[in-house]
PDB file of all heavy atoms in Angstrom:
ATOM      1  N   PRO A   1       0.684  -1.235   0.000  1.00  0.00           N
ATOM      2  CA  PRO A   1      -0.022   0.022  -0.053  1.00  0.00           C
ATOM      3  C   PRO A   1       0.872   1.331  -0.044  1.00  0.00           C
ATOM      4  O   PRO A   1       0.372   2.237  -0.519  1.00  0.00           O
ATOM      5  CB  PRO A   1      -0.891  -0.130   1.289  1.00  0.00           C
ATOM      6  CG  PRO A   1      -0.060  -1.154   2.095  1.00  0.00           C
ATOM      7  CD  PRO A   1       0.666  -2.061   1.144  1.00  0.00           C
ATOM      8  N   GLU A   2       2.074   1.267   0.518  1.00  0.00           N
ATOM      9  CA  GLU A   2       2.869   2.442   0.569  1.00  0.00           C
ATOM     10  C   GLU A   2       3.349   2.956  -0.856  1.00  0.00           C
ATOM     11  O   GLU A   2       3.552   4.082  -1.032  1.00  0.00           O
ATOM     12  CB  GLU A   2       4.098   2.195   1.516  1.00  0.00           C
ATOM     13  CG  GLU A   2       5.099   1.214   0.918  1.00  0.00           C
ATOM     14  CD  GLU A   2       4.831  -0.235   1.032  1.00  0.00           C
ATOM     15  OE1 GLU A   2       3.808  -0.474   1.942  1.00  0.00           O
ATOM     16  OE2 GLU A   2       5.428  -1.144   0.663  1.00  0.00           O
ATOM     17  N   LEU A   3       3.391   2.019  -1.808  1.00  0.00           N
ATOM     18  CA  LEU A   3       3.766   2.397  -3.136  1.00  0.00           C
ATOM     19  C   LEU A   3       2.669   3.170  -3.843  1.00  0.00           C
ATOM     20  O   LEU A   3       2.918   3.949  -4.751  1.00  0.00           O
ATOM     21  CB  LEU A   3       4.045   1.114  -3.995  1.00  0.00           C
ATOM     22  CG  LEU A   3       5.137   0.304  -3.546  1.00  0.00           C
ATOM     23  CD1 LEU A   3       5.445  -0.962  -4.411  1.00  0.00           C
ATOM     24  CD2 LEU A   3       6.540   1.115  -3.777  1.00  0.00           C
ATOM     25  N   PHE A   4       1.379   3.017  -3.311  1.00  0.00           N
ATOM     26  CA  PHE A   4       0.283   3.604  -3.993  1.00  0.00           C
ATOM     27  C   PHE A   4      -0.376   4.652  -3.152  1.00  0.00           C
ATOM     28  O   PHE A   4      -1.424   5.113  -3.572  1.00  0.00           O
ATOM     29  CB  PHE A   4      -0.680   2.468  -4.434  1.00  0.00           C
ATOM     30  CG  PHE A   4      -0.235   1.361  -5.384  1.00  0.00           C
ATOM     31  CD1 PHE A   4       0.269   0.192  -4.874  1.00  0.00           C
ATOM     32  CD2 PHE A   4      -0.126   1.741  -6.718  1.00  0.00           C
ATOM     33  CE1 PHE A   4       0.814  -0.819  -5.707  1.00  0.00           C
ATOM     34  CE2 PHE A   4       0.331   0.755  -7.601  1.00  0.00           C
ATOM     35  CZ  PHE A   4       0.844  -0.537  -7.027  1.00  0.00           C
ATOM     36  N   GLU A   5       0.236   5.065  -2.172  1.00  0.00           N
ATOM     37  CA  GLU A   5      -0.403   6.151  -1.274  1.00  0.00           C
ATOM     38  C   GLU A   5      -0.739   7.357  -2.092  1.00  0.00           C
ATOM     39  O   GLU A   5      -1.897   7.807  -1.901  1.00  0.00           O
ATOM     40  CB  GLU A   5       0.683   6.514  -0.143  1.00  0.00           C
ATOM     41  CG  GLU A   5       0.673   5.541   0.986  1.00  0.00           C
ATOM     42  CD  GLU A   5       1.632   5.969   2.035  1.00  0.00           C
ATOM     43  OE1 GLU A   5       1.950   7.226   2.098  1.00  0.00           O
ATOM     44  OE2 GLU A   5       1.917   5.082   2.882  1.00  0.00           O
ATOM     45  N   ASP A   6      -0.010   7.941  -2.935  1.00  0.00           N
ATOM     46  CA  ASP A   6      -0.243   9.118  -3.708  1.00  0.00           C
ATOM     47  C   ASP A   6      -1.356   8.766  -4.758  1.00  0.00           C
ATOM     48  O   ASP A   6      -2.100   9.702  -5.176  1.00  0.00           O
ATOM     49  CB  ASP A   6       0.944   9.685  -4.376  1.00  0.00           C
ATOM     50  CG  ASP A   6       2.037  10.109  -3.403  1.00  0.00           C
ATOM     51  OD1 ASP A   6       1.660  10.466  -2.246  1.00  0.00           O
ATOM     52  OD2 ASP A   6       3.208  10.170  -3.758  1.00  0.00           O
ATOM     53  N   SER A   7      -1.433   7.555  -5.263  1.00  0.00           N
ATOM     54  CA  SER A   7      -2.295   7.223  -6.334  1.00  0.00           C
ATOM     55  C   SER A   7      -3.715   6.573  -5.836  1.00  0.00           C
ATOM     56  O   SER A   7      -4.475   6.193  -6.628  1.00  0.00           O
ATOM     57  CB  SER A   7      -1.645   6.353  -7.376  1.00  0.00           C
ATOM     58  OG  SER A   7      -0.458   6.891  -7.666  1.00  0.00           O
ATOM     59  N   GLU A   8      -3.709   6.371  -4.510  1.00  0.00           N
ATOM     60  CA  GLU A   8      -4.933   5.501  -4.085  1.00  0.00           C
ATOM     61  C   GLU A   8      -6.276   5.997  -4.459  1.00  0.00           C
ATOM     62  O   GLU A   8      -7.111   5.338  -4.912  1.00  0.00           O
ATOM     63  CB  GLU A   8      -4.761   5.358  -2.548  1.00  0.00           C
ATOM     64  CG  GLU A   8      -5.744   4.242  -2.076  1.00  0.00           C
ATOM     65  CD  GLU A   8      -5.384   3.987  -0.577  1.00  0.00           C
ATOM     66  OE1 GLU A   8      -4.333   4.331  -0.013  1.00  0.00           O
ATOM     67  OE2 GLU A   8      -6.185   3.254  -0.029  1.00  0.00           O
ATOM     68  N   LYS A   9      -6.406   7.400  -4.273  1.00  0.00           N
ATOM     69  CA  LYS A   9      -7.674   7.993  -4.713  1.00  0.00           C
ATOM     70  C   LYS A   9      -7.956   7.754  -6.185  1.00  0.00           C
ATOM     71  O   LYS A   9      -9.045   7.496  -6.620  1.00  0.00           O
ATOM     72  CB  LYS A   9      -7.641   9.490  -4.368  1.00  0.00           C
ATOM     73  CG  LYS A   9      -8.976  10.208  -4.492  1.00  0.00           C
ATOM     74  CD  LYS A   9      -8.824  11.594  -3.982  1.00  0.00           C
ATOM     75  CE  LYS A   9     -10.206  12.245  -3.858  1.00  0.00           C
ATOM     76  NZ  LYS A   9     -10.069  13.645  -3.343  1.00  0.00           N
ATOM     77  N   GLU A  10      -6.967   8.043  -7.029  1.00  0.00           N
ATOM     78  CA  GLU A  10      -7.207   7.837  -8.502  1.00  0.00           C
ATOM     79  C   GLU A  10      -7.490   6.310  -8.775  1.00  0.00           C
ATOM     80  O   GLU A  10      -8.290   6.121  -9.696  1.00  0.00           O
ATOM     81  CB  GLU A  10      -5.862   8.254  -9.278  1.00  0.00           C
ATOM     82  CG  GLU A  10      -5.568   9.776  -9.232  1.00  0.00           C
ATOM     83  CD  GLU A  10      -4.338  10.100  -9.916  1.00  0.00           C
ATOM     84  OE1 GLU A  10      -3.931   9.378 -10.947  1.00  0.00           O
ATOM     85  OE2 GLU A  10      -3.660  11.053  -9.450  1.00  0.00           O
ATOM     86  N   ILE A  11      -6.783   5.413  -8.215  1.00  0.00           N
ATOM     87  CA  ILE A  11      -7.121   4.043  -8.469  1.00  0.00           C
ATOM     88  C   ILE A  11      -8.533   3.632  -7.915  1.00  0.00           C
ATOM     89  O   ILE A  11      -9.214   2.932  -8.708  1.00  0.00           O
ATOM     90  CB  ILE A  11      -6.041   3.210  -7.639  1.00  0.00           C
ATOM     91  CG1 ILE A  11      -4.585   3.251  -8.358  1.00  0.00           C
ATOM     92  CG2 ILE A  11      -6.415   1.709  -7.670  1.00  0.00           C
ATOM     93  CD1 ILE A  11      -3.525   2.683  -7.428  1.00  0.00           C
ATOM     94  N   ASP A  12      -8.965   4.256  -6.893  1.00  0.00           N
ATOM     95  CA  ASP A  12     -10.301   3.953  -6.345  1.00  0.00           C
ATOM     96  C   ASP A  12     -11.267   4.591  -7.366  1.00  0.00           C
ATOM     97  O   ASP A  12     -12.334   3.892  -7.711  1.00  0.00           O
ATOM     98  CB  ASP A  12     -10.551   4.625  -5.042  1.00  0.00           C
ATOM     99  CG  ASP A  12      -9.923   3.794  -3.909  1.00  0.00           C
ATOM    100  OD1 ASP A  12      -9.590   2.612  -4.183  1.00  0.00           O
ATOM    101  OD2 ASP A  12      -9.703   4.451  -2.891  1.00  0.00           O
ATOM    102  N   GLN A  13     -11.106   5.740  -7.926  1.00  0.00           N
ATOM    103  CA  GLN A  13     -11.924   6.311  -8.969  1.00  0.00           C
ATOM    104  C   GLN A  13     -11.947   5.519 -10.335  1.00  0.00           C
ATOM    105  O   GLN A  13     -13.014   5.264 -10.877  1.00  0.00           O
ATOM    106  CB  GLN A  13     -11.415   7.709  -9.287  1.00  0.00           C
ATOM    107  CG  GLN A  13     -11.821   8.731  -8.176  1.00  0.00           C
ATOM    108  CD  GLN A  13     -11.218  10.082  -8.523  1.00  0.00           C
ATOM    109  OE1 GLN A  13     -10.395  10.229  -9.515  1.00  0.00           O
ATOM    110  NE2 GLN A  13     -11.631  11.061  -7.638  1.00  0.00           N
ATOM    111  N   PHE A  14     -10.768   4.935 -10.663  1.00  0.00           N
ATOM    112  CA  PHE A  14     -10.720   4.158 -11.710  1.00  0.00           C
ATOM    113  C   PHE A  14     -11.575   2.903 -11.628  1.00  0.00           C
ATOM    114  O   PHE A  14     -12.273   2.421 -12.498  1.00  0.00           O
ATOM    115  CB  PHE A  14      -9.212   3.719 -12.175  1.00  0.00           C
ATOM    116  CG  PHE A  14      -9.124   2.652 -13.215  1.00  0.00           C
ATOM    117  CD1 PHE A  14      -9.226   2.996 -14.540  1.00  0.00           C
ATOM    118  CD2 PHE A  14      -8.941   1.314 -12.814  1.00  0.00           C
ATOM    119  CE1 PHE A  14      -9.219   1.961 -15.526  1.00  0.00           C
ATOM    120  CE2 PHE A  14      -8.870   0.373 -13.847  1.00  0.00           C
ATOM    121  CZ  PHE A  14      -8.855   0.769 -15.089  1.00  0.00           C
ATOM    122  N   ILE A  15     -11.413   2.194 -10.488  1.00  0.00           N
ATOM    123  CA  ILE A  15     -12.155   1.015 -10.190  1.00  0.00           C
ATOM    124  C   ILE A  15     -13.623   1.311 -10.154  1.00  0.00           C
ATOM    125  O   ILE A  15     -14.403   0.623 -10.909  1.00  0.00           O
ATOM    126  CB  ILE A  15     -11.696   0.380  -8.808  1.00  0.00           C
ATOM    127  CG1 ILE A  15     -10.386  -0.144  -8.877  1.00  0.00           C
ATOM    128  CG2 ILE A  15     -12.718  -0.709  -8.285  1.00  0.00           C
ATOM    129  CD1 ILE A  15      -9.810  -0.541  -7.535  1.00  0.00           C
ATOM    130  N   GLU A  16     -14.018   2.428  -9.621  1.00  0.00           N
ATOM    131  CA  GLU A  16     -15.511   2.790  -9.688  1.00  0.00           C
ATOM    132  C   GLU A  16     -15.956   3.020 -11.153  1.00  0.00           C
ATOM    133  O   GLU A  16     -17.039   2.541 -11.367  1.00  0.00           O
ATOM    134  CB  GLU A  16     -15.631   4.065  -8.888  1.00  0.00           C
ATOM    135  CG  GLU A  16     -17.093   4.448  -8.467  1.00  0.00           C
ATOM    136  CD  GLU A  16     -17.192   5.752  -7.676  1.00  0.00           C
ATOM    137  OE1 GLU A  16     -16.568   5.688  -6.560  1.00  0.00           O
ATOM    138  OE2 GLU A  16     -17.961   6.561  -8.157  1.00  0.00           O
ATOM    139  N   LYS A  17     -15.241   3.718 -11.974  1.00  0.00           N
ATOM    140  CA  LYS A  17     -15.611   3.867 -13.191  1.00  0.00           C
ATOM    141  C   LYS A  17     -15.624   2.596 -14.076  1.00  0.00           C
ATOM    142  O   LYS A  17     -16.588   2.455 -14.850  1.00  0.00           O
ATOM    143  CB  LYS A  17     -14.603   4.946 -13.915  1.00  0.00           C
ATOM    144  CG  LYS A  17     -14.845   6.372 -13.542  1.00  0.00           C
ATOM    145  CD  LYS A  17     -13.965   7.291 -14.170  1.00  0.00           C
ATOM    146  CE  LYS A  17     -13.988   8.648 -13.704  1.00  0.00           C
ATOM    147  NZ  LYS A  17     -13.058   9.616 -14.310  1.00  0.00           N
ATOM    148  N   SER A  18     -14.585   1.749 -13.890  1.00  0.00           N
ATOM    149  CA  SER A  18     -14.605   0.586 -14.529  1.00  0.00           C
ATOM    150  C   SER A  18     -15.857  -0.322 -14.231  1.00  0.00           C
ATOM    151  O   SER A  18     -16.274  -1.145 -15.111  1.00  0.00           O
ATOM    152  CB  SER A  18     -13.284  -0.225 -14.206  1.00  0.00           C
ATOM    153  OG  SER A  18     -12.249   0.477 -14.538  1.00  0.00           O
ATOM    154  N   GLU A  19     -16.195  -0.359 -12.989  1.00  0.00           N
ATOM    155  CA  GLU A  19     -17.383  -1.239 -12.547  1.00  0.00           C
ATOM    156  C   GLU A  19     -18.602  -0.771 -13.289  1.00  0.00           C
ATOM    157  O   GLU A  19     -19.607  -1.463 -13.371  1.00  0.00           O
ATOM    158  CB  GLU A  19     -17.507  -1.241 -11.157  1.00  0.00           C
ATOM    159  CG  GLU A  19     -16.456  -2.059 -10.497  1.00  0.00           C
ATOM    160  CD  GLU A  19     -16.384  -2.113  -8.968  1.00  0.00           C
ATOM    161  OE1 GLU A  19     -17.021  -1.179  -8.265  1.00  0.00           O
ATOM    162  OE2 GLU A  19     -15.839  -2.950  -8.328  1.00  0.00           O
ATOM    163  N   SER A  20     -18.651   0.453 -13.631  1.00  0.00           N
ATOM    164  CA  SER A  20     -19.891   1.079 -14.398  1.00  0.00           C
ATOM    165  C   SER A  20     -19.734   1.069 -15.886  1.00  0.00           C
ATOM    166  O   SER A  20     -20.502   1.761 -16.558  1.00  0.00           O
ATOM    167  CB  SER A  20     -20.294   2.456 -13.820  1.00  0.00           C
ATOM    168  OG  SER A  20     -19.213   3.389 -14.174  1.00  0.00           O
ATOM    169  N   PHE A  21     -18.786   0.461 -16.405  1.00  0.00           N
ATOM    170  CA  PHE A  21     -18.487   0.415 -17.875  1.00  0.00           C
ATOM    171  C   PHE A  21     -19.777  -0.105 -18.591  1.00  0.00           C
ATOM    172  O   PHE A  21     -20.229  -1.322 -18.209  1.00  0.00           O
ATOM    173  CB  PHE A  21     -17.203  -0.399 -18.064  1.00  0.00           C
ATOM    174  CG  PHE A  21     -16.982  -0.559 -19.531  1.00  0.00           C
ATOM    175  CD1 PHE A  21     -16.455   0.408 -20.329  1.00  0.00           C
ATOM    176  CD2 PHE A  21     -17.374  -1.845 -20.132  1.00  0.00           C
ATOM    177  CE1 PHE A  21     -16.177   0.155 -21.682  1.00  0.00           C
ATOM    178  CE2 PHE A  21     -17.123  -2.063 -21.573  1.00  0.00           C
ATOM    179  CZ  PHE A  21     -16.526  -1.056 -22.238  1.00  0.00           C
ATOM    180  N   LYS A  22     -19.980   0.518 -19.629  1.00  0.00           N
ATOM    181  CA  LYS A  22     -20.972   0.007 -20.559  1.00  0.00           C
ATOM    182  C   LYS A  22     -20.576   0.108 -22.027  1.00  0.00           C
ATOM    183  O   LYS A  22     -19.999   1.245 -22.258  1.00  0.00           O
ATOM    184  CB  LYS A  22     -22.328   0.880 -20.365  1.00  0.00           C
ATOM    185  CG  LYS A  22     -23.035   0.580 -19.041  1.00  0.00           C
ATOM    186  CD  LYS A  22     -24.181   1.437 -18.918  1.00  0.00           C
ATOM    187  CE  LYS A  22     -25.002   1.251 -17.616  1.00  0.00           C
ATOM    188  NZ  LYS A  22     -24.262   1.415 -16.477  1.00  0.00           N
ATOM    189  N   PRO A  23     -20.639  -0.930 -22.717  1.00  0.00           N
ATOM    190  CA  PRO A  23     -20.065  -0.829 -24.159  1.00  0.00           C
ATOM    191  C   PRO A  23     -20.870   0.144 -24.940  1.00  0.00           C
ATOM    192  O   PRO A  23     -22.124   0.521 -24.683  1.00  0.00           O
ATOM    193  CB  PRO A  23     -20.355  -2.248 -24.744  1.00  0.00           C
ATOM    194  CG  PRO A  23     -21.294  -2.818 -23.840  1.00  0.00           C
ATOM    195  CD  PRO A  23     -21.225  -2.173 -22.488  1.00  0.00           C
ATOM    196  N   LEU A  24     -20.292   0.769 -26.029  1.00  0.00           N
ATOM    197  CA  LEU A  24     -20.921   1.684 -26.852  1.00  0.00           C
ATOM    198  C   LEU A  24     -21.887   0.981 -27.790  1.00  0.00           C
ATOM    199  O   LEU A  24     -21.694  -0.182 -28.210  1.00  0.00           O
ATOM    200  CB  LEU A  24     -19.788   2.311 -27.768  1.00  0.00           C
ATOM    201  CG  LEU A  24     -18.800   3.210 -27.225  1.00  0.00           C
ATOM    202  CD1 LEU A  24     -17.869   3.663 -28.171  1.00  0.00           C
ATOM    203  CD2 LEU A  24     -19.507   4.237 -26.478  1.00  0.00           C
ATOM    204  N   LYS A  25     -23.113   1.530 -27.972  1.00  0.00           N
ATOM    205  CA  LYS A  25     -24.109   0.933 -28.857  1.00  0.00           C
ATOM    206  C   LYS A  25     -24.381   1.836 -30.000  1.00  0.00           C
ATOM    207  O   LYS A  25     -24.569   1.396 -31.119  1.00  0.00           O
ATOM    208  CB  LYS A  25     -25.354   0.703 -28.135  1.00  0.00           C
ATOM    209  CG  LYS A  25     -25.112  -0.487 -27.049  1.00  0.00           C
ATOM    210  CD  LYS A  25     -26.476  -0.841 -26.407  1.00  0.00           C
ATOM    211  CE  LYS A  25     -26.288  -1.892 -25.419  1.00  0.00           C
ATOM    212  NZ  LYS A  25     -27.341  -2.251 -24.676  1.00  0.00           N
ATOM    213  N   LYS A  26     -24.254   3.137 -29.760  1.00  0.00           N
ATOM    214  CA  LYS A  26     -24.501   4.145 -30.940  1.00  0.00           C
ATOM    215  C   LYS A  26     -23.297   5.134 -30.815  1.00  0.00           C
ATOM    216  O   LYS A  26     -23.009   5.623 -29.710  1.00  0.00           O
ATOM    217  CB  LYS A  26     -25.790   4.874 -30.748  1.00  0.00           C
ATOM    218  CG  LYS A  26     -27.072   4.107 -30.967  1.00  0.00           C
ATOM    219  CD  LYS A  26     -28.251   4.847 -30.805  1.00  0.00           C
ATOM    220  CE  LYS A  26     -28.876   5.243 -32.091  1.00  0.00           C
ATOM    221  NZ  LYS A  26     -30.203   5.986 -32.004  1.00  0.00           N
ATOM    222  N   LEU A  27     -22.658   5.326 -31.869  1.00  0.00           N
ATOM    223  CA  LEU A  27     -21.590   6.282 -31.926  1.00  0.00           C
ATOM    224  C   LEU A  27     -21.695   7.149 -33.200  1.00  0.00           C
ATOM    225  O   LEU A  27     -22.296   6.712 -34.149  1.00  0.00           O
ATOM    226  CB  LEU A  27     -20.143   5.677 -31.650  1.00  0.00           C
ATOM    227  CG  LEU A  27     -19.802   4.606 -32.681  1.00  0.00           C
ATOM    228  CD1 LEU A  27     -18.833   5.211 -33.668  1.00  0.00           C
ATOM    229  CD2 LEU A  27     -19.133   3.476 -31.950  1.00  0.00           C
ATOM    230  N   ARG A  28     -21.000   8.279 -33.101  1.00  0.00           N
ATOM    231  CA  ARG A  28     -20.879   9.168 -34.224  1.00  0.00           C
ATOM    232  C   ARG A  28     -19.424   9.409 -34.638  1.00  0.00           C
ATOM    233  O   ARG A  28     -18.629   9.766 -33.784  1.00  0.00           O
ATOM    234  CB  ARG A  28     -21.513  10.527 -33.878  1.00  0.00           C
ATOM    235  CG  ARG A  28     -21.380  11.565 -35.068  1.00  0.00           C
ATOM    236  CD  ARG A  28     -22.263  12.751 -34.691  1.00  0.00           C
ATOM    237  NE  ARG A  28     -23.621  12.365 -34.879  1.00  0.00           N
ATOM    238  CZ  ARG A  28     -24.600  12.975 -34.120  1.00  0.00           C
ATOM    239  NH1 ARG A  28     -24.396  13.799 -33.368  1.00  0.00           N
ATOM    240  NH2 ARG A  28     -25.902  12.474 -34.341  1.00  0.00           N
ATOM    241  N   LEU A  29     -19.114   9.157 -35.882  1.00  0.00           N
ATOM    242  CA  LEU A  29     -17.797   9.468 -36.529  1.00  0.00           C
ATOM    243  C   LEU A  29     -17.925  10.816 -37.224  1.00  0.00           C
ATOM    244  O   LEU A  29     -18.658  10.847 -38.096  1.00  0.00           O
ATOM    245  CB  LEU A  29     -17.374   8.363 -37.450  1.00  0.00           C
ATOM    246  CG  LEU A  29     -16.165   8.560 -38.287  1.00  0.00           C
ATOM    247  CD1 LEU A  29     -14.866   8.671 -37.484  1.00  0.00           C
ATOM    248  CD2 LEU A  29     -16.078   7.400 -39.305  1.00  0.00           C
ATOM    249  N   LYS A  30     -16.999  11.794 -36.859  1.00  0.00           N
ATOM    250  CA  LYS A  30     -16.932  12.994 -37.579  1.00  0.00           C
ATOM    251  C   LYS A  30     -15.510  13.182 -38.075  1.00  0.00           C
ATOM    252  O   LYS A  30     -14.450  12.915 -37.399  1.00  0.00           O
ATOM    253  CB  LYS A  30     -17.222  14.175 -36.555  1.00  0.00           C
ATOM    254  CG  LYS A  30     -18.630  14.264 -36.118  1.00  0.00           C
ATOM    255  CD  LYS A  30     -18.748  15.556 -35.266  1.00  0.00           C
ATOM    256  CE  LYS A  30     -20.192  15.705 -34.757  1.00  0.00           C
ATOM    257  NZ  LYS A  30     -20.227  16.858 -34.005  1.00  0.00           N
ATOM    258  N   VAL A  31     -15.503  13.467 -39.396  1.00  0.00           N
ATOM    259  CA  VAL A  31     -14.222  13.625 -40.060  1.00  0.00           C
ATOM    260  C   VAL A  31     -14.260  15.161 -40.696  1.00  0.00           C
ATOM    261  O   VAL A  31     -15.130  15.413 -41.335  1.00  0.00           O
ATOM    262  CB  VAL A  31     -13.948  12.585 -41.170  1.00  0.00           C
ATOM    263  CG1 VAL A  31     -12.566  12.994 -41.858  1.00  0.00           C
ATOM    264  CG2 VAL A  31     -13.905  11.254 -40.469  1.00  0.00           C
ATOM    265  N   GLN A  32     -13.190  15.801 -40.522  1.00  0.00           N
ATOM    266  CA  GLN A  32     -13.006  17.167 -41.084  1.00  0.00           C
ATOM    267  C   GLN A  32     -11.616  17.144 -41.767  1.00  0.00           C
ATOM    268  O   GLN A  32     -10.629  16.895 -41.093  1.00  0.00           O
ATOM    269  CB  GLN A  32     -13.224  18.304 -40.164  1.00  0.00           C
ATOM    270  CG  GLN A  32     -12.869  19.683 -40.769  1.00  0.00           C
ATOM    271  CD  GLN A  32     -13.177  20.854 -39.865  1.00  0.00           C
ATOM    272  OE1 GLN A  32     -14.191  20.816 -39.208  1.00  0.00           O
ATOM    273  NE2 GLN A  32     -12.245  21.792 -39.846  1.00  0.00           N
ATOM    274  N   ILE A  33     -11.584  17.443 -43.085  1.00  0.00           N
ATOM    275  CA  ILE A  33     -10.326  17.505 -43.772  1.00  0.00           C
ATOM    276  C   ILE A  33     -10.097  18.868 -44.419  1.00  0.00           C
ATOM    277  O   ILE A  33     -11.008  19.362 -45.146  1.00  0.00           O
ATOM    278  CB  ILE A  33     -10.326  16.445 -44.792  1.00  0.00           C
ATOM    279  CG1 ILE A  33     -10.690  15.029 -44.359  1.00  0.00           C
ATOM    280  CG2 ILE A  33      -9.164  16.415 -45.666  1.00  0.00           C
ATOM    281  CD1 ILE A  33     -10.911  13.951 -45.441  1.00  0.00           C
ATOM    282  N   ASP A  34      -9.153  19.504 -44.030  1.00  0.00           N
ATOM    283  CA  ASP A  34      -8.773  20.719 -44.517  1.00  0.00           C
ATOM    284  C   ASP A  34      -7.644  20.688 -45.641  1.00  0.00           C
ATOM    285  O   ASP A  34      -6.773  19.755 -45.563  1.00  0.00           O
ATOM    286  CB  ASP A  34      -8.164  21.710 -43.447  1.00  0.00           C
ATOM    287  CG  ASP A  34      -9.220  22.183 -42.478  1.00  0.00           C
ATOM    288  OD1 ASP A  34     -10.166  22.748 -42.954  1.00  0.00           O
ATOM    289  OD2 ASP A  34      -9.047  21.933 -41.310  1.00  0.00           O
ATOM    290  N   TYR A  35      -7.747  21.499 -46.685  1.00  0.00           N
ATOM    291  CA  TYR A  35      -6.756  21.360 -47.743  1.00  0.00           C
ATOM    292  C   TYR A  35      -5.361  21.806 -47.300  1.00  0.00           C
ATOM    293  O   TYR A  35      -5.168  22.691 -46.495  1.00  0.00           O
ATOM    294  CB  TYR A  35      -7.186  22.278 -48.870  1.00  0.00           C
ATOM    295  CG  TYR A  35      -6.247  22.322 -50.086  1.00  0.00           C
ATOM    296  CD1 TYR A  35      -6.291  21.224 -50.968  1.00  0.00           C
ATOM    297  CD2 TYR A  35      -5.319  23.258 -50.273  1.00  0.00           C
ATOM    298  CE1 TYR A  35      -5.385  21.177 -52.074  1.00  0.00           C
ATOM    299  CE2 TYR A  35      -4.451  23.313 -51.333  1.00  0.00           C
ATOM    300  CZ  TYR A  35      -4.415  22.185 -52.223  1.00  0.00           C
ATOM    301  OH  TYR A  35      -3.611  22.160 -53.219  1.00  0.00           O
ATOM    302  N   ASN A  36      -4.407  21.132 -47.848  1.00  0.00           N
ATOM    303  CA  ASN A  36      -3.019  21.396 -47.609  1.00  0.00           C
ATOM    304  C   ASN A  36      -2.298  21.054 -48.916  1.00  0.00           C
ATOM    305  O   ASN A  36      -2.588  19.952 -49.468  1.00  0.00           O
ATOM    306  CB  ASN A  36      -2.525  20.778 -46.351  1.00  0.00           C
ATOM    307  CG  ASN A  36      -0.985  21.213 -45.923  1.00  0.00           C
ATOM    308  OD1 ASN A  36      -0.262  21.461 -46.806  1.00  0.00           O
ATOM    309  ND2 ASN A  36      -0.946  21.425 -44.660  1.00  0.00           N
ATOM    310  N   GLU A  37      -1.313  21.804 -49.300  1.00  0.00           N
ATOM    311  CA  GLU A  37      -0.560  21.429 -50.613  1.00  0.00           C
ATOM    312  C   GLU A  37       0.137  20.184 -50.534  1.00  0.00           C
ATOM    313  O   GLU A  37       0.475  19.537 -51.559  1.00  0.00           O
ATOM    314  CB  GLU A  37       0.300  22.580 -50.970  1.00  0.00           C
ATOM    315  CG  GLU A  37      -0.592  23.864 -51.396  1.00  0.00           C
ATOM    316  CD  GLU A  37       0.375  25.014 -51.915  1.00  0.00           C
ATOM    317  OE1 GLU A  37       1.585  24.864 -51.886  1.00  0.00           O
ATOM    318  OE2 GLU A  37      -0.132  26.068 -52.266  1.00  0.00           O
ATOM    319  N   GLU A  38       0.570  19.825 -49.236  1.00  0.00           N
ATOM    320  CA  GLU A  38       1.289  18.533 -49.180  1.00  0.00           C
ATOM    321  C   GLU A  38       0.441  17.379 -48.630  1.00  0.00           C
ATOM    322  O   GLU A  38       0.071  16.438 -49.368  1.00  0.00           O
ATOM    323  CB  GLU A  38       2.601  18.759 -48.264  1.00  0.00           C
ATOM    324  CG  GLU A  38       3.416  19.748 -48.921  1.00  0.00           C
ATOM    325  CD  GLU A  38       4.628  20.192 -47.925  1.00  0.00           C
ATOM    326  OE1 GLU A  38       4.739  19.642 -46.961  1.00  0.00           O
ATOM    327  OE2 GLU A  38       5.396  21.213 -48.278  1.00  0.00           O
ATOM    328  N   THR A  39       0.157  17.384 -47.330  1.00  0.00           N
ATOM    329  CA  THR A  39      -0.615  16.374 -46.621  1.00  0.00           C
ATOM    330  C   THR A  39      -1.850  17.031 -46.058  1.00  0.00           C
ATOM    331  O   THR A  39      -1.721  18.057 -45.292  1.00  0.00           O
ATOM    332  CB  THR A  39       0.308  15.645 -45.547  1.00  0.00           C
ATOM    333  OG1 THR A  39       1.392  15.108 -46.144  1.00  0.00           O
ATOM    334  CG2 THR A  39      -0.617  14.561 -44.907  1.00  0.00           C
ATOM    335  N   ALA A  40      -3.069  16.530 -46.286  1.00  0.00           N
ATOM    336  CA  ALA A  40      -4.313  17.093 -45.846  1.00  0.00           C
ATOM    337  C   ALA A  40      -4.331  17.078 -44.213  1.00  0.00           C
ATOM    338  O   ALA A  40      -3.718  16.262 -43.647  1.00  0.00           O
ATOM    339  CB  ALA A  40      -5.503  16.219 -46.249  1.00  0.00           C
ATOM    340  N   ASP A  41      -4.853  18.130 -43.698  1.00  0.00           N
ATOM    341  CA  ASP A  41      -5.107  18.192 -42.230  1.00  0.00           C
ATOM    342  C   ASP A  41      -6.340  17.528 -41.865  1.00  0.00           C
ATOM    343  O   ASP A  41      -7.367  17.867 -42.318  1.00  0.00           O
ATOM    344  CB  ASP A  41      -5.147  19.710 -41.755  1.00  0.00           C
ATOM    345  CG  ASP A  41      -3.749  20.486 -42.225  1.00  0.00           C
ATOM    346  OD1 ASP A  41      -2.775  19.860 -42.163  1.00  0.00           O
ATOM    347  OD2 ASP A  41      -3.896  21.687 -42.371  1.00  0.00           O
ATOM    348  N   ILE A  42      -6.240  16.491 -41.011  1.00  0.00           N
ATOM    349  CA  ILE A  42      -7.323  15.622 -40.697  1.00  0.00           C
ATOM    350  C   ILE A  42      -7.658  15.705 -39.326  1.00  0.00           C
ATOM    351  O   ILE A  42      -6.781  15.666 -38.415  1.00  0.00           O
ATOM    352  CB  ILE A  42      -6.957  14.054 -41.086  1.00  0.00           C
ATOM    353  CG1 ILE A  42      -6.604  13.968 -42.617  1.00  0.00           C
ATOM    354  CG2 ILE A  42      -8.179  13.194 -40.736  1.00  0.00           C
ATOM    355  CD1 ILE A  42      -5.955  12.619 -42.860  1.00  0.00           C
ATOM    356  N   ASP A  43      -8.986  15.917 -39.023  1.00  0.00           N
ATOM    357  CA  ASP A  43      -9.510  15.964 -37.625  1.00  0.00           C
ATOM    358  C   ASP A  43     -10.556  14.832 -37.538  1.00  0.00           C
ATOM    359  O   ASP A  43     -11.522  14.978 -38.295  1.00  0.00           O
ATOM    360  CB  ASP A  43     -10.021  17.406 -37.430  1.00  0.00           C
ATOM    361  CG  ASP A  43     -10.561  17.610 -35.968  1.00  0.00           C
ATOM    362  OD1 ASP A  43     -10.469  16.678 -35.210  1.00  0.00           O
ATOM    363  OD2 ASP A  43     -11.059  18.674 -35.712  1.00  0.00           O
ATOM    364  N   VAL A  44     -10.386  13.998 -36.723  1.00  0.00           N
ATOM    365  CA  VAL A  44     -11.332  12.902 -36.455  1.00  0.00           C
ATOM    366  C   VAL A  44     -11.784  12.901 -34.952  1.00  0.00           C
ATOM    367  O   VAL A  44     -11.126  13.006 -34.109  1.00  0.00           O
ATOM    368  CB  VAL A  44     -10.735  11.505 -36.792  1.00  0.00           C
ATOM    369  CG1 VAL A  44     -11.693  10.402 -36.556  1.00  0.00           C
ATOM    370  CG2 VAL A  44     -10.235  11.426 -38.192  1.00  0.00           C
TER     371      VAL A  44
END
């Protein structure tokens, strides 16, 4: 426990969030592509 004293609160939060994990069922993909003379600027 001494190795994790500083991280114990974060670990507890991670465990709490993990236990409430639900898989994605509906998602949205957004892609924006800006012109560039060499390689397009891509935002996903």
